[in-house]
Amino acid sequence: MDGGRNSISRRTALQTLVSTAFCRVANAIDNREPAPKFSAKTLDGEILTNESIKGTAVLLQFWTTWCPYCRKDQPALESIIHDLQDKGLVILAVDVGESRKKVKRYLEESPRSCKIVLTEDTNLAAIYAPRSYPFYVLIDKDGKIAGTQRGAGGEDALRHLLRKVQIESN
């Protein structure tokens, strides 16, 4: 009997912990709190941190090679990169949980203009813990979380998200 109560107690404690963590992230987004400290190394070897991106808006895209919705949003991201890269926007695409070999093979068939980061080269996937793909996090020029988007929404939805940091094409 005690084992059952302990199990329920642990489950309740875990649910409370998860709920609290979710509320903190939601609160950070609503209140434009600073983005958590991160470090990321792109496939090209560039190192990015909170300090190195200050003054630049950053759109994080968490994606995988097997995700059809990520593939669907890829042309939208390419269009946004083409229009907005000179306006202070960096798009950092974080592939979650796949090998370097698999990602490089994918990129040979489907090249991307954004900066690519693997899970093994960053703590971003651990910080934001995406559960579905694509998942977007927008960080403003002051290094604060400006918004998120779950799932593919196409170019209009991404441009709407980017308006939160006042980046738009002419």
C-alpha atoms as a PDB file:
ATOM      1  CA  MET A   1       0.000   0.000   0.000  1.00  0.00           C
ATOM      2  CA  ASP A   2       2.796   2.418   0.879  1.00  0.00           C
ATOM      3  CA  GLY A   3       4.435   1.777  -2.510  1.00  0.00           C
ATOM      4  CA  GLY A   4       1.253   2.960  -4.207  1.00  0.00           C
ATOM      5  CA  ARG A   5       1.136   6.164  -2.159  1.00  0.00           C
ATOM      6  CA  ASN A   6       4.807   6.840  -2.819  1.00  0.00           C
ATOM      7  CA  SER A   7       4.225   6.345  -6.535  1.00  0.00           C
ATOM      8  CA  ILE A   8       1.292   8.777  -6.511  1.00  0.00           C
ATOM      9  CA  SER A   9       3.317  11.194  -4.413  1.00  0.00           C
ATOM     10  CA  ARG A  10       6.232  11.054  -6.860  1.00  0.00           C
ATOM     11  CA  ARG A  11       3.911  11.446  -9.839  1.00  0.00           C
ATOM     12  CA  THR A  12       2.237  14.469  -8.232  1.00  0.00           C
ATOM     13  CA  ALA A  13       5.620  15.986  -7.400  1.00  0.00           C
ATOM     14  CA  LEU A  14       6.808  15.429 -10.983  1.00  0.00           C
ATOM     15  CA  GLN A  15       3.619  16.975 -12.412  1.00  0.00           C
ATOM     16  CA  THR A  16       4.065  19.973 -10.130  1.00  0.00           C
ATOM     17  CA  LEU A  17       7.693  20.348 -11.188  1.00  0.00           C
ATOM     18  CA  VAL A  18       6.835  20.142 -14.910  1.00  0.00           C
ATOM     19  CA  SER A  19       3.939  22.569 -14.465  1.00  0.00           C
ATOM     20  CA  THR A  20       6.170  25.020 -12.606  1.00  0.00           C
ATOM     21  CA  ALA A  21       8.873  24.820 -15.294  1.00  0.00           C
ATOM     22  CA  PHE A  22       6.277  25.385 -18.025  1.00  0.00           C
ATOM     23  CA  CYS A  23       4.873  28.395 -16.170  1.00  0.00           C
ATOM     24  CA  ARG A  24       8.377  29.874 -15.832  1.00  0.00           C
ATOM     25  CA  VAL A  25       9.020  29.547 -19.567  1.00  0.00           C
ATOM     26  CA  ALA A  26       5.565  30.975 -20.387  1.00  0.00           C
ATOM     27  CA  ASN A  27       6.171  33.803 -17.926  1.00  0.00           C
ATOM     28  CA  ALA A  28       9.582  34.515 -19.470  1.00  0.00           C
ATOM     29  CA  ILE A  29       7.949  34.821 -22.881  1.00  0.00           C
ATOM     30  CA  ASP A  30       5.145  37.064 -21.647  1.00  0.00           C
ATOM     31  CA  ASN A  31       7.484  39.306 -19.677  1.00  0.00           C
ATOM     32  CA  ARG A  32      10.407  39.378 -22.099  1.00  0.00           C
ATOM     33  CA  GLU A  33      12.783  37.850 -19.596  1.00  0.00           C
ATOM     34  CA  PRO A  34      16.348  37.104 -20.687  1.00  0.00           C
ATOM     35  CA  ALA A  35      16.837  33.996 -22.790  1.00  0.00           C
ATOM     36  CA  PRO A  36      18.662  31.257 -20.870  1.00  0.00           C
ATOM     37  CA  LYS A  37      22.440  31.144 -21.307  1.00  0.00           C
ATOM     38  CA  PHE A  38      23.468  29.056 -24.288  1.00  0.00           C
ATOM     39  CA  SER A  39      26.395  28.112 -26.442  1.00  0.00           C
ATOM     40  CA  ALA A  40      26.107  26.713 -29.948  1.00  0.00           C
ATOM     41  CA  LYS A  41      28.639  25.671 -32.564  1.00  0.00           C
ATOM     42  CA  THR A  42      27.403  25.677 -36.155  1.00  0.00           C
ATOM     43  CA  LEU A  43      28.372  23.048 -38.713  1.00  0.00           C
ATOM     44  CA  ASP A  44      30.677  25.732 -40.151  1.00  0.00           C
ATOM     45  CA  GLY A  45      32.468  26.039 -36.787  1.00  0.00           C
ATOM     46  CA  GLU A  46      31.036  29.418 -35.749  1.00  0.00           C
ATOM     47  CA  ILE A  47      30.465  29.724 -31.985  1.00  0.00           C
ATOM     48  CA  LEU A  48      27.345  31.606 -30.879  1.00  0.00           C
ATOM     49  CA  THR A  49      26.407  32.594 -27.323  1.00  0.00           C
ATOM     50  CA  ASN A  50      24.021  35.028 -25.672  1.00  0.00           C
ATOM     51  CA  GLU A  51      26.798  37.623 -25.688  1.00  0.00           C
ATOM     52  CA  SER A  52      27.785  37.134 -29.319  1.00  0.00           C
ATOM     53  CA  ILE A  53      24.202  37.585 -30.582  1.00  0.00           C
ATOM     54  CA  LYS A  54      23.382  40.658 -28.498  1.00  0.00           C
ATOM     55  CA  GLY A  55      22.070  43.381 -30.788  1.00  0.00           C
ATOM     56  CA  THR A  56      20.735  40.795 -33.231  1.00  0.00           C
ATOM     57  CA  ALA A  57      17.316  39.169 -33.325  1.00  0.00           C
ATOM     58  CA  VAL A  58      17.571  35.376 -33.447  1.00  0.00           C
ATOM     59  CA  LEU A  59      14.975  32.919 -34.622  1.00  0.00           C
ATOM     60  CA  LEU A  60      15.709  29.428 -33.330  1.00  0.00           C
ATOM     61  CA  GLN A  61      14.152  26.604 -35.306  1.00  0.00           C
ATOM     62  CA  PHE A  62      14.214  23.173 -33.704  1.00  0.00           C
ATOM     63  CA  TRP A  63      13.854  20.603 -36.487  1.00  0.00           C
ATOM     64  CA  THR A  64      14.647  17.079 -37.665  1.00  0.00           C
ATOM     65  CA  THR A  65      15.384  15.597 -41.077  1.00  0.00           C
ATOM     66  CA  TRP A  66      12.435  13.174 -40.821  1.00  0.00           C
ATOM     67  CA  CYS A  67       9.856  15.887 -40.052  1.00  0.00           C
ATOM     68  CA  PRO A  68       7.572  16.647 -43.046  1.00  0.00           C
ATOM     69  CA  TYR A  69       6.399  19.888 -41.388  1.00  0.00           C
ATOM     70  CA  CYS A  70       9.985  21.098 -41.007  1.00  0.00           C
ATOM     71  CA  ARG A  71      10.530  20.400 -44.692  1.00  0.00           C
ATOM     72  CA  LYS A  72       7.305  22.268 -45.469  1.00  0.00           C
ATOM     73  CA  ASP A  73       8.531  25.391 -43.613  1.00  0.00           C
ATOM     74  CA  GLN A  74      11.982  25.339 -45.238  1.00  0.00           C
ATOM     75  CA  PRO A  75      11.020  27.522 -48.268  1.00  0.00           C
ATOM     76  CA  ALA A  76       9.433  30.046 -45.878  1.00  0.00           C
ATOM     77  CA  LEU A  77      12.648  30.258 -43.880  1.00  0.00           C
ATOM     78  CA  GLU A  78      14.696  30.664 -47.049  1.00  0.00           C
ATOM     79  CA  SER A  79      12.459  33.532 -48.163  1.00  0.00           C
ATOM     80  CA  ILE A  80      12.757  35.212 -44.763  1.00  0.00           C
ATOM     81  CA  ILE A  81      16.533  34.805 -44.758  1.00  0.00           C
ATOM     82  CA  HIS A  82      16.706  36.348 -48.238  1.00  0.00           C
ATOM     83  CA  ASP A  83      14.544  39.317 -47.178  1.00  0.00           C
ATOM     84  CA  LEU A  84      15.698  39.926 -43.615  1.00  0.00           C
ATOM     85  CA  GLN A  85      19.293  38.777 -43.069  1.00  0.00           C
ATOM     86  CA  ASP A  86      20.510  42.356 -43.657  1.00  0.00           C
ATOM     87  CA  LYS A  87      18.035  43.709 -41.098  1.00  0.00           C
ATOM     88  CA  GLY A  88      19.667  42.106 -38.086  1.00  0.00           C
ATOM     89  CA  LEU A  89      18.088  38.637 -38.102  1.00  0.00           C
ATOM     90  CA  VAL A  90      19.927  35.361 -37.621  1.00  0.00           C
ATOM     91  CA  ILE A  91      18.155  32.048 -38.096  1.00  0.00           C
ATOM     92  CA  LEU A  92      19.693  29.207 -36.167  1.00  0.00           C
ATOM     93  CA  ALA A  93      18.328  25.778 -37.112  1.00  0.00           C
ATOM     94  CA  VAL A  94      18.967  23.269 -34.324  1.00  0.00           C
ATOM     95  CA  ASP A  95      18.664  19.681 -35.515  1.00  0.00           C
ATOM     96  CA  VAL A  96      17.479  17.612 -32.573  1.00  0.00           C
ATOM     97  CA  GLY A  97      18.908  14.183 -31.865  1.00  0.00           C
ATOM     98  CA  GLU A  98      20.362  13.162 -35.206  1.00  0.00           C
ATOM     99  CA  SER A  99      23.874  12.275 -36.249  1.00  0.00           C
ATOM    100  CA  ARG A 100      26.208  14.663 -38.043  1.00  0.00           C
ATOM    101  CA  LYS A 101      26.394  12.212 -40.961  1.00  0.00           C
ATOM    102  CA  LYS A 102      22.607  12.058 -41.346  1.00  0.00           C
ATOM    103  CA  VAL A 103      22.211  15.852 -41.200  1.00  0.00           C
ATOM    104  CA  LYS A 104      25.028  16.460 -43.685  1.00  0.00           C
ATOM    105  CA  ARG A 105      23.512  13.912 -46.080  1.00  0.00           C
ATOM    106  CA  TYR A 106      20.130  15.669 -45.761  1.00  0.00           C
ATOM    107  CA  LEU A 107      21.724  19.072 -46.394  1.00  0.00           C
ATOM    108  CA  GLU A 108      23.404  17.784 -49.558  1.00  0.00           C
ATOM    109  CA  GLU A 109      19.923  17.021 -50.947  1.00  0.00           C
ATOM    110  CA  SER A 110      18.155  20.003 -49.339  1.00  0.00           C
ATOM    111  CA  PRO A 111      20.638  22.840 -48.766  1.00  0.00           C
ATOM    112  CA  ARG A 112      19.713  25.518 -46.231  1.00  0.00           C
ATOM    113  CA  SER A 113      20.974  29.101 -45.969  1.00  0.00           C
ATOM    114  CA  CYS A 114      20.551  29.363 -42.198  1.00  0.00           C
ATOM    115  CA  LYS A 115      23.127  28.415 -39.607  1.00  0.00           C
ATOM    116  CA  ILE A 116      22.845  24.709 -38.704  1.00  0.00           C
ATOM    117  CA  VAL A 117      23.588  23.371 -35.227  1.00  0.00           C
ATOM    118  CA  LEU A 118      23.491  19.777 -33.986  1.00  0.00           C
ATOM    119  CA  THR A 119      22.222  18.759 -30.554  1.00  0.00           C
ATOM    120  CA  GLU A 120      25.705  17.538 -29.622  1.00  0.00           C
ATOM    121  CA  ASP A 121      27.114  21.036 -30.240  1.00  0.00           C
ATOM    122  CA  THR A 122      24.705  23.066 -28.101  1.00  0.00           C
ATOM    123  CA  ASN A 123      22.628  23.152 -24.961  1.00  0.00           C
ATOM    124  CA  LEU A 124      19.674  24.800 -26.757  1.00  0.00           C
ATOM    125  CA  ALA A 125      17.665  21.589 -27.238  1.00  0.00           C
ATOM    126  CA  ALA A 126      18.039  20.788 -23.544  1.00  0.00           C
ATOM    127  CA  ILE A 127      16.993  24.310 -22.543  1.00  0.00           C
ATOM    128  CA  TYR A 128      13.856  24.562 -24.705  1.00  0.00           C
ATOM    129  CA  ALA A 129      13.046  20.815 -24.790  1.00  0.00           C
ATOM    130  CA  PRO A 130      10.906  20.800 -27.932  1.00  0.00           C
ATOM    131  CA  ARG A 131       8.338  18.001 -28.021  1.00  0.00           C
ATOM    132  CA  SER A 132       7.141  18.575 -31.565  1.00  0.00           C
ATOM    133  CA  TYR A 133       8.740  19.951 -34.711  1.00  0.00           C
ATOM    134  CA  PRO A 134       9.283  22.481 -35.964  1.00  0.00           C
ATOM    135  CA  PHE A 135       9.388  24.580 -32.804  1.00  0.00           C
ATOM    136  CA  TYR A 136      10.455  28.213 -33.013  1.00  0.00           C
ATOM    137  CA  VAL A 137      11.807  30.541 -30.337  1.00  0.00           C
ATOM    138  CA  LEU A 138      12.340  34.225 -31.088  1.00  0.00           C
ATOM    139  CA  ILE A 139      14.981  36.143 -29.123  1.00  0.00           C
ATOM    140  CA  ASP A 140      14.946  39.931 -29.437  1.00  0.00           C
ATOM    141  CA  LYS A 141      17.935  42.241 -29.928  1.00  0.00           C
ATOM    142  CA  ASP A 142      18.256  42.666 -26.153  1.00  0.00           C
ATOM    143  CA  GLY A 143      18.600  38.895 -25.647  1.00  0.00           C
ATOM    144  CA  LYS A 144      15.082  38.425 -24.309  1.00  0.00           C
ATOM    145  CA  ILE A 145      12.510  35.829 -25.339  1.00  0.00           C
ATOM    146  CA  ALA A 146       9.966  37.583 -27.556  1.00  0.00           C
ATOM    147  CA  GLY A 147       7.773  34.638 -28.568  1.00  0.00           C
ATOM    148  CA  THR A 148       7.427  31.057 -29.701  1.00  0.00           C
ATOM    149  CA  GLN A 149       5.600  29.118 -32.369  1.00  0.00           C
ATOM    150  CA  ARG A 150       4.798  25.427 -32.259  1.00  0.00           C
ATOM    151  CA  GLY A 151       4.455  23.684 -35.600  1.00  0.00           C
ATOM    152  CA  ALA A 152       4.718  24.760 -39.196  1.00  0.00           C
ATOM    153  CA  GLY A 153       2.700  27.826 -39.984  1.00  0.00           C
ATOM    154  CA  GLY A 154       4.261  28.879 -43.227  1.00  0.00           C
ATOM    155  CA  GLU A 155       5.771  32.201 -44.148  1.00  0.00           C
ATOM    156  CA  ASP A 156       2.880  34.392 -42.955  1.00  0.00           C
ATOM    157  CA  ALA A 157       2.960  32.913 -39.447  1.00  0.00           C
ATOM    158  CA  LEU A 158       6.741  33.277 -39.206  1.00  0.00           C
ATOM    159  CA  ARG A 159       6.626  36.881 -40.411  1.00  0.00           C
ATOM    160  CA  HIS A 160       3.875  37.559 -37.856  1.00  0.00           C
ATOM    161  CA  LEU A 161       6.137  36.143 -35.130  1.00  0.00           C
ATOM    162  CA  LEU A 162       9.039  38.312 -36.336  1.00  0.00           C
ATOM    163  CA  ARG A 163       6.908  41.455 -35.988  1.00  0.00           C
ATOM    164  CA  LYS A 164       7.304  41.006 -32.226  1.00  0.00           C
ATOM    165  CA  VAL A 165      10.891  42.174 -32.671  1.00  0.00           C
ATOM    166  CA  GLN A 166       9.976  44.746 -35.311  1.00  0.00           C
ATOM    167  CA  ILE A 167      11.732  43.026 -38.178  1.00  0.00           C
ATOM    168  CA  GLU A 168       9.868  43.202 -41.449  1.00  0.00           C
ATOM    169  CA  SER A 169      10.798  43.451 -45.098  1.00  0.00           C
ATOM    170  CA  ASN A 170      10.265  46.706 -46.946  1.00  0.00           C
END
